[in-house]
Amino acid sequence: SPVLEKVNERAVSPYLNKAITQEQAIDELI
């Protein structure tokens, strides 16, 4: 859950809000 929270905060939510690109979202997810 701590890892999933970071993924959601840094990758999923910004990508859905179109704040970052898809490549940046993948990097922040990994």
All heavy atoms as atom14 arrays in JSON, in Angstrom:
{
  "sequence": "SPVLEKVNERAVSPYLNKAITQEQAIDELI",
  "atom14_mask": [
    [1, 1, 1, 1, 1, 1, 0, 0, 0, 0, 0, 0, 0, 0],
    [1, 1, 1, 1, 1, 1, 1, 0, 0, 0, 0, 0, 0, 0],
    [1, 1, 1, 1, 1, 1, 1, 0, 0, 0, 0, 0, 0, 0],
    [1, 1, 1, 1, 1, 1, 1, 1, 0, 0, 0, 0, 0, 0],
    [1, 1, 1, 1, 1, 1, 1, 1, 1, 0, 0, 0, 0, 0],
    [1, 1, 1, 1, 1, 1, 1, 1, 1, 0, 0, 0, 0, 0],
    [1, 1, 1, 1, 1, 1, 1, 0, 0, 0, 0, 0, 0, 0],
    [1, 1, 1, 1, 1, 1, 1, 1, 0, 0, 0, 0, 0, 0],
    [1, 1, 1, 1, 1, 1, 1, 1, 1, 0, 0, 0, 0, 0],
    [1, 1, 1, 1, 1, 1, 1, 1, 1, 1, 1, 0, 0, 0],
    [1, 1, 1, 1, 1, 0, 0, 0, 0, 0, 0, 0, 0, 0],
    [1, 1, 1, 1, 1, 1, 1, 0, 0, 0, 0, 0, 0, 0],
    [1, 1, 1, 1, 1, 1, 0, 0, 0, 0, 0, 0, 0, 0],
    [1, 1, 1, 1, 1, 1, 1, 0, 0, 0, 0, 0, 0, 0],
    [1, 1, 1, 1, 1, 1, 1, 1, 1, 1, 1, 1, 0, 0],
    [1, 1, 1, 1, 1, 1, 1, 1, 0, 0, 0, 0, 0, 0],
    [1, 1, 1, 1, 1, 1, 1, 1, 0, 0, 0, 0, 0, 0],
    [1, 1, 1, 1, 1, 1, 1, 1, 1, 0, 0, 0, 0, 0],
    [1, 1, 1, 1, 1, 0, 0, 0, 0, 0, 0, 0, 0, 0],
    [1, 1, 1, 1, 1, 1, 1, 1, 0, 0, 0, 0, 0, 0],
    [1, 1, 1, 1, 1, 1, 1, 0, 0, 0, 0, 0, 0, 0],
    [1, 1, 1, 1, 1, 1, 1, 1, 1, 0, 0, 0, 0, 0],
    [1, 1, 1, 1, 1, 1, 1, 1, 1, 0, 0, 0, 0, 0],
    [1, 1, 1, 1, 1, 1, 1, 1, 1, 0, 0, 0, 0, 0],
    [1, 1, 1, 1, 1, 0, 0, 0, 0, 0, 0, 0, 0, 0],
    [1, 1, 1, 1, 1, 1, 1, 1, 0, 0, 0, 0, 0, 0],
    [1, 1, 1, 1, 1, 1, 1, 1, 0, 0, 0, 0, 0, 0],
    [1, 1, 1, 1, 1, 1, 1, 1, 1, 0, 0, 0, 0, 0],
    [1, 1, 1, 1, 1, 1, 1, 1, 0, 0, 0, 0, 0, 0],
    [1, 1, 1, 1, 1, 1, 1, 1, 0, 0, 0, 0, 0, 0]
  ],
  "atom14_positions": [
    [[0.81, -1.23, 0.0], [0.0, 0.0, 0.0], [0.84, 1.27, 0.0], [0.49, 2.23, -0.71], [-0.97, -0.01, 1.19], [-0.27, -0.13, 2.42], [0.0, 0.0, 0.0], [0.0, 0.0, 0.0], [0.0, 0.0, 0.0], [0.0, 0.0, 0.0], [0.0, 0.0, 0.0], [0.0, 0.0, 0.0], [0.0, 0.0, 0.0], [0.0, 0.0, 0.0]],
    [[1.96, 1.37, 0.75], [2.77, 2.6, 0.62], [3.3, 2.81, -0.79], [3.36, 3.95, -1.28], [3.91, 2.37, 1.63], [3.37, 1.4, 2.61], [2.49, 0.5, 1.81], [0.0, 0.0, 0.0], [0.0, 0.0, 0.0], [0.0, 0.0, 0.0], [0.0, 0.0, 0.0], [0.0, 0.0, 0.0], [0.0, 0.0, 0.0], [0.0, 0.0, 0.0]],
    [[3.69, 1.73, -1.45], [4.18, 1.84, -2.82], [3.05, 2.26, -3.76], [3.23, 3.12, -4.64], [4.8, 0.52, -3.28], [5.27, 0.61, -4.73], [5.95, 0.12, -2.38], [0.0, 0.0, 0.0], [0.0, 0.0, 0.0], [0.0, 0.0, 0.0], [0.0, 0.0, 0.0], [0.0, 0.0, 0.0], [0.0, 0.0, 0.0], [0.0, 0.0, 0.0]],
    [[1.87, 1.66, -3.58], [0.73, 2.01, -4.43], [0.3, 3.46, -4.22], [-0.11, 4.13, -5.18], [-0.43, 1.07, -4.13], [-0.2, -0.41, -4.46], [-1.42, -1.24, -4.06], [0.1, -0.6, -5.94], [0.0, 0.0, 0.0], [0.0, 0.0, 0.0], [0.0, 0.0, 0.0], [0.0, 0.0, 0.0], [0.0, 0.0, 0.0], [0.0, 0.0, 0.0]],
    [[0.41, 3.95, -3.0], [0.07, 5.35, -2.75], [1.03, 6.29, -3.47], [0.62, 7.31, -4.03], [0.09, 5.62, -1.24], [-1.07, 4.95, -0.48], [-0.94, 5.14, 1.01], [0.06, 5.76, 1.45], [-1.83, 4.65, 1.75], [0.0, 0.0, 0.0], [0.0, 0.0, 0.0], [0.0, 0.0, 0.0], [0.0, 0.0, 0.0], [0.0, 0.0, 0.0]],
    [[2.31, 5.95, -3.45], [3.28, 6.78, -4.17], [3.03, 6.73, -5.68], [3.15, 7.76, -6.36], [4.7, 6.3, -3.86], [5.14, 6.56, -2.43], [6.57, 6.07, -2.22], [7.02, 6.32, -0.79], [8.4, 5.82, -0.55], [0.0, 0.0, 0.0], [0.0, 0.0, 0.0], [0.0, 0.0, 0.0], [0.0, 0.0, 0.0], [0.0, 0.0, 0.0]],
    [[2.69, 5.54, -6.19], [2.4, 5.42, -7.62], [1.2, 6.26, -8.0], [1.2, 6.97, -9.02], [2.18, 3.94, -7.99], [1.61, 3.82, -9.4], [3.47, 3.16, -7.86], [0.0, 0.0, 0.0], [0.0, 0.0, 0.0], [0.0, 0.0, 0.0], [0.0, 0.0, 0.0], [0.0, 0.0, 0.0], [0.0, 0.0, 0.0], [0.0, 0.0, 0.0]],
    [[0.17, 6.22, -7.17], [-1.03, 7.01, -7.45], [-0.76, 8.51, -7.35], [-1.26, 9.29, -8.16], [-2.14, 6.62, -6.49], [-3.43, 7.37, -6.74], [-4.01, 7.3, -7.81], [-3.88, 8.13, -5.75], [0.0, 0.0, 0.0], [0.0, 0.0, 0.0], [0.0, 0.0, 0.0], [0.0, 0.0, 0.0], [0.0, 0.0, 0.0], [0.0, 0.0, 0.0]],
    [[0.06, 8.89, -6.38], [0.33, 10.31, -6.17], [1.25, 10.9, -7.22], [1.05, 12.04, -7.67], [0.96, 10.5, -4.78], [1.31, 11.94, -4.44], [1.96, 12.07, -3.08], [2.03, 11.05, -2.35], [2.43, 13.18, -2.75], [0.0, 0.0, 0.0], [0.0, 0.0, 0.0], [0.0, 0.0, 0.0], [0.0, 0.0, 0.0], [0.0, 0.0, 0.0]],
    [[2.23, 10.11, -7.66], [3.25, 10.64, -8.56], [3.01, 10.32, -10.02], [3.51, 11.05, -10.89], [4.63, 10.1, -8.15], [5.05, 10.45, -6.75], [6.39, 9.81, -6.41], [6.8, 10.07, -5.03], [7.91, 9.6, -4.48], [8.75, 8.86, -5.22], [8.2, 9.87, -3.22], [0.0, 0.0, 0.0], [0.0, 0.0, 0.0], [0.0, 0.0, 0.0]],
    [[2.26, 9.26, -10.29], [2.11, 8.83, -11.68], [0.67, 8.86, -12.16], [0.35, 9.52, -13.16], [2.7, 7.42, -11.86], [0.0, 0.0, 0.0], [0.0, 0.0, 0.0], [0.0, 0.0, 0.0], [0.0, 0.0, 0.0], [0.0, 0.0, 0.0], [0.0, 0.0, 0.0], [0.0, 0.0, 0.0], [0.0, 0.0, 0.0], [0.0, 0.0, 0.0]],
    [[-0.22, 8.15, -11.46], [-1.58, 7.98, -11.98], [-2.35, 9.29, -11.96], [-2.9, 9.72, -12.99], [-2.31, 6.89, -11.17], [-3.74, 6.75, -11.68], [-1.58, 5.56, -11.28], [0.0, 0.0, 0.0], [0.0, 0.0, 0.0], [0.0, 0.0, 0.0], [0.0, 0.0, 0.0], [0.0, 0.0, 0.0], [0.0, 0.0, 0.0], [0.0, 0.0, 0.0]],
    [[-2.42, 9.94, -10.8], [-3.21, 11.17, -10.69], [-2.69, 12.28, -11.59], [-3.47, 12.92, -12.32], [-3.25, 11.64, -9.23], [-3.94, 10.7, -8.43], [0.0, 0.0, 0.0], [0.0, 0.0, 0.0], [0.0, 0.0, 0.0], [0.0, 0.0, 0.0], [0.0, 0.0, 0.0], [0.0, 0.0, 0.0], [0.0, 0.0, 0.0], [0.0, 0.0, 0.0]],
    [[-1.37, 12.57, -11.62], [-0.89, 13.61, -12.55], [-1.16, 13.28, -14.01], [-1.46, 14.17, -14.81], [0.61, 13.69, -12.26], [0.75, 13.17, -10.88], [-0.28, 12.11, -10.74], [0.0, 0.0, 0.0], [0.0, 0.0, 0.0], [0.0, 0.0, 0.0], [0.0, 0.0, 0.0], [0.0, 0.0, 0.0], [0.0, 0.0, 0.0], [0.0, 0.0, 0.0]],
    [[-1.06, 11.98, -14.37], [-1.3, 11.62, -15.76], [-2.77, 11.8, -16.12], [-3.1, 12.27, -17.22], [-0.86, 10.18, -16.0], [-1.13, 9.7, -17.41], [-0.39, 10.19, -18.48], [-2.12, 8.76, -17.67], [-0.65, 9.76, -19.78], [-2.38, 8.33, -18.96], [-1.64, 8.83, -20.01], [-1.89, 8.42, -21.29], [0.0, 0.0, 0.0], [0.0, 0.0, 0.0]],
    [[-3.67, 11.4, -15.21], [-5.09, 11.58, -15.49], [-5.47, 13.06, -15.56], [-6.38, 13.43, -16.29], [-5.93, 10.88, -14.42], [-5.82, 9.34, -14.38], [-6.67, 8.78, -13.25], [-6.26, 8.73, -15.71], [0.0, 0.0, 0.0], [0.0, 0.0, 0.0], [0.0, 0.0, 0.0], [0.0, 0.0, 0.0], [0.0, 0.0, 0.0], [0.0, 0.0, 0.0]],
    [[-4.76, 13.9, -14.8], [-5.01, 15.34, -14.84], [-4.23, 16.04, -15.96], [-4.24, 17.27, -16.04], [-4.63, 15.98, -13.49], [-5.51, 15.49, -12.37], [-6.69, 15.18, -12.56], [-4.95, 15.41, -11.17], [0.0, 0.0, 0.0], [0.0, 0.0, 0.0], [0.0, 0.0, 0.0], [0.0, 0.0, 0.0], [0.0, 0.0, 0.0], [0.0, 0.0, 0.0]],
    [[-3.54, 15.23, -16.78], [-2.77, 15.74, -17.92], [-1.67, 16.71, -17.5], [-1.33, 17.64, -18.22], [-3.69, 16.41, -18.94], [-4.72, 15.46, -19.53], [-5.6, 16.15, -20.56], [-6.63, 15.18, -21.14], [-7.48, 15.82, -22.16], [0.0, 0.0, 0.0], [0.0, 0.0, 0.0], [0.0, 0.0, 0.0], [0.0, 0.0, 0.0], [0.0, 0.0, 0.0]],
    [[-1.11, 16.44, -16.29], [-0.01, 17.27, -15.81], [1.33, 16.75, -16.29], [2.31, 17.51, -16.34], [-0.02, 17.35, -14.28], [0.0, 0.0, 0.0], [0.0, 0.0, 0.0], [0.0, 0.0, 0.0], [0.0, 0.0, 0.0], [0.0, 0.0, 0.0], [0.0, 0.0, 0.0], [0.0, 0.0, 0.0], [0.0, 0.0, 0.0], [0.0, 0.0, 0.0]],
    [[1.42, 15.46, -16.61], [2.66, 14.86, -17.09], [2.34, 14.02, -18.33], [1.19, 13.67, -18.58], [3.34, 13.98, -16.03], [2.39, 12.87, -15.56], [3.81, 14.81, -14.84], [3.01, 11.92, -14.55], [0.0, 0.0, 0.0], [0.0, 0.0, 0.0], [0.0, 0.0, 0.0], [0.0, 0.0, 0.0], [0.0, 0.0, 0.0], [0.0, 0.0, 0.0]],
    [[3.37, 13.7, -19.09], [3.19, 12.89, -20.28], [3.16, 11.41, -19.92], [3.42, 11.02, -18.77], [4.33, 13.16, -21.27], [5.58, 12.78, -20.67], [4.37, 14.63, -21.65], [0.0, 0.0, 0.0], [0.0, 0.0, 0.0], [0.0, 0.0, 0.0], [0.0, 0.0, 0.0], [0.0, 0.0, 0.0], [0.0, 0.0, 0.0], [0.0, 0.0, 0.0]],
    [[2.88, 10.6, -20.91], [2.81, 9.15, -20.67], [4.19, 8.6, -20.31], [4.29, 7.73, -19.43], [2.28, 8.45, -21.92], [2.08, 6.95, -21.74], [1.43, 6.32, -22.95], [1.14, 6.98, -23.94], [1.2, 5.02, -22.88], [0.0, 0.0, 0.0], [0.0, 0.0, 0.0], [0.0, 0.0, 0.0], [0.0, 0.0, 0.0], [0.0, 0.0, 0.0]],
    [[5.25, 9.07, -20.96], [6.59, 8.59, -20.64], [6.97, 8.97, -19.22], [7.56, 8.16, -18.48], [7.6, 9.18, -21.63], [7.49, 8.65, -23.06], [6.31, 9.26, -23.8], [5.71, 10.23, -23.27], [5.98, 8.76, -24.9], [0.0, 0.0, 0.0], [0.0, 0.0, 0.0], [0.0, 0.0, 0.0], [0.0, 0.0, 0.0], [0.0, 0.0, 0.0]],
    [[6.65, 10.18, -18.8], [6.94, 10.58, -17.42], [6.13, 9.76, -16.42], [6.63, 9.41, -15.34], [6.64, 12.07, -17.25], [7.58, 12.99, -18.02], [7.15, 14.44, -17.94], [5.99, 14.76, -17.67], [8.1, 15.34, -18.17], [0.0, 0.0, 0.0], [0.0, 0.0, 0.0], [0.0, 0.0, 0.0], [0.0, 0.0, 0.0], [0.0, 0.0, 0.0]],
    [[4.89, 9.45, -16.77], [4.06, 8.64, -15.88], [4.65, 7.24, -15.69], [4.64, 6.69, -14.59], [2.63, 8.55, -16.42], [0.0, 0.0, 0.0], [0.0, 0.0, 0.0], [0.0, 0.0, 0.0], [0.0, 0.0, 0.0], [0.0, 0.0, 0.0], [0.0, 0.0, 0.0], [0.0, 0.0, 0.0], [0.0, 0.0, 0.0], [0.0, 0.0, 0.0]],
    [[5.16, 6.66, -16.77], [5.76, 5.32, -16.67], [7.01, 5.36, -15.79], [7.22, 4.47, -14.95], [6.1, 4.79, -18.08], [4.8, 4.55, -18.86], [6.92, 3.51, -17.99], [5.03, 4.14, -20.3], [0.0, 0.0, 0.0], [0.0, 0.0, 0.0], [0.0, 0.0, 0.0], [0.0, 0.0, 0.0], [0.0, 0.0, 0.0], [0.0, 0.0, 0.0]],
    [[7.82, 6.4, -15.94], [9.01, 6.53, -15.1], [8.64, 6.69, -13.63], [9.25, 6.07, -12.75], [9.85, 7.72, -15.56], [10.47, 7.48, -16.93], [10.63, 6.3, -17.3], [10.78, 8.47, -17.63], [0.0, 0.0, 0.0], [0.0, 0.0, 0.0], [0.0, 0.0, 0.0], [0.0, 0.0, 0.0], [0.0, 0.0, 0.0], [0.0, 0.0, 0.0]],
    [[7.65, 7.53, -13.36], [7.22, 7.75, -11.98], [6.56, 6.5, -11.4], [6.57, 6.28, -10.2], [6.25, 8.93, -11.91], [6.87, 10.27, -12.24], [7.93, 10.67, -11.22], [7.85, 10.21, -10.06], [8.84, 11.43, -11.58], [0.0, 0.0, 0.0], [0.0, 0.0, 0.0], [0.0, 0.0, 0.0], [0.0, 0.0, 0.0], [0.0, 0.0, 0.0]],
    [[5.97, 5.66, -12.25], [5.37, 4.42, -11.78], [6.44, 3.39, -11.42], [6.29, 2.65, -10.45], [4.43, 3.88, -12.86], [3.6, 2.64, -12.52], [2.26, 2.7, -13.22], [4.31, 1.35, -12.94], [0.0, 0.0, 0.0], [0.0, 0.0, 0.0], [0.0, 0.0, 0.0], [0.0, 0.0, 0.0], [0.0, 0.0, 0.0], [0.0, 0.0, 0.0]],
    [[7.5, 3.35, -12.2], [8.53, 2.34, -11.98], [9.4, 2.68, -10.77], [9.84, 1.77, -10.05], [9.4, 2.2, -13.25], [8.56, 1.6, -14.38], [10.62, 1.33, -12.99], [9.31, 1.51, -15.7], [0.0, 0.0, 0.0], [0.0, 0.0, 0.0], [0.0, 0.0, 0.0], [0.0, 0.0, 0.0], [0.0, 0.0, 0.0], [0.0, 0.0, 0.0]]
  ]
}
